[in-house]
Amino acid sequence: MTANSKNEDFASATMIRLVAAGLAQQGIPVPVRPPTGARVSRTAKRELLEAVMAEHGRIAVLTIADAARDMPPEPVAQALLKARSISDLLDRWRRLEKFSHGRHEIQVENQGQTTFGLRHRARDGHAPPTEVETLLVMAVLTVLCEIVTSAPVDLCASEGKVLRNAGIWHDPGAVGAHQQIVLSGAPFDGQSAMAPEAPHEGLVENLRHRVASDPLRRWTLTDLCAEAGASRRTLQRRLTENSTSFSRLIAEARLQTAARYLCNEPARELAEIGFLSGYCDQAHFTRSFTRLVGTTPRAYRADFGR
């Protein structure tokens, strides 16, 4: 790999494995071997997608995203699919973008409870995304939203060109750089019903496990009260009795998740671990981990990793 390619922004290998799976499902030969590492060069991904669109058209690129329903479990995908609404999913996606340090990002405009205007744009100083890159990202977001809400999601260009309706892809014609794409879904609330009040013994430990099961979720004290079936005052008293607090419980759950990855998965990159553990960006991960453990994530892995 050349120095220039090392400095390129990279796409998650999860996305490339999705591309390979999506092409295979369509019977389209895959000219590259799916990567096993955490990153793959953006140039390689773009060239592959452009070749597919030139040979098979826009529908083939959009249909790649349907393979997300059948792929083996991937940590990044699982973290995204724990979202409880379309808004939550888009928030998780944007947090993932911060860790990937890519050249492009999704800009989200809230146009209603389940309607969002999306623009795939370049980060400062970078070239805009190509049409095929935008089509793939929009398609993947659409299918992920359908999985999360268990309902069809519509996708249309701002001037009314349809990309997806009733679970069927359509060729919208050329999609321009920075063009707004509108994603619309059915109302959905993934929140569970209020739980019966939990017994005093083990309550805090149960909540700790619950938070650790979805560290990307933007947990609130109200969320934990619902999980515990307890009032705010009761829950705060239980936390105090166990020498902890709401903020400390969240921090400890993230720390435990990060430590598990650092110790047991030497091939997984630090940025991906930070994302999967629920930190908002790489600096937050390093700063919080170092404050609680007394050493950086990289040094911790060197000392305790397999």
Foldseek 3Di string as FASTA:
>chain_A
DDPVQVPAQWDFLVLVVLQCQLCVVVVHDQPDDRDPFGTDGPVVVVVRLVVCCVVPNLQSLLSSLVCLVPDDDDLLLVLLLVAFALVRSLLLQQLLCQLSVHQWGWDWDDPDPFKIKIAIAGDPPDDGDDQSVVSNVVSNSQVSRCSNQVFHKWKAWPVGQGQDDPHHGDRSPGDDHRTIMMIGDDDGGRQDAQDAADDLPCLLVVLLVVCLVRLQDPDDLVSSCSVRVHDSVVVQVSQVVVVHGPVRSSLVSLLVQLLVCLAEPVRHDPSVSNSSSRASHSVRQQVSNCVVPVDGSVVSSVVRHD
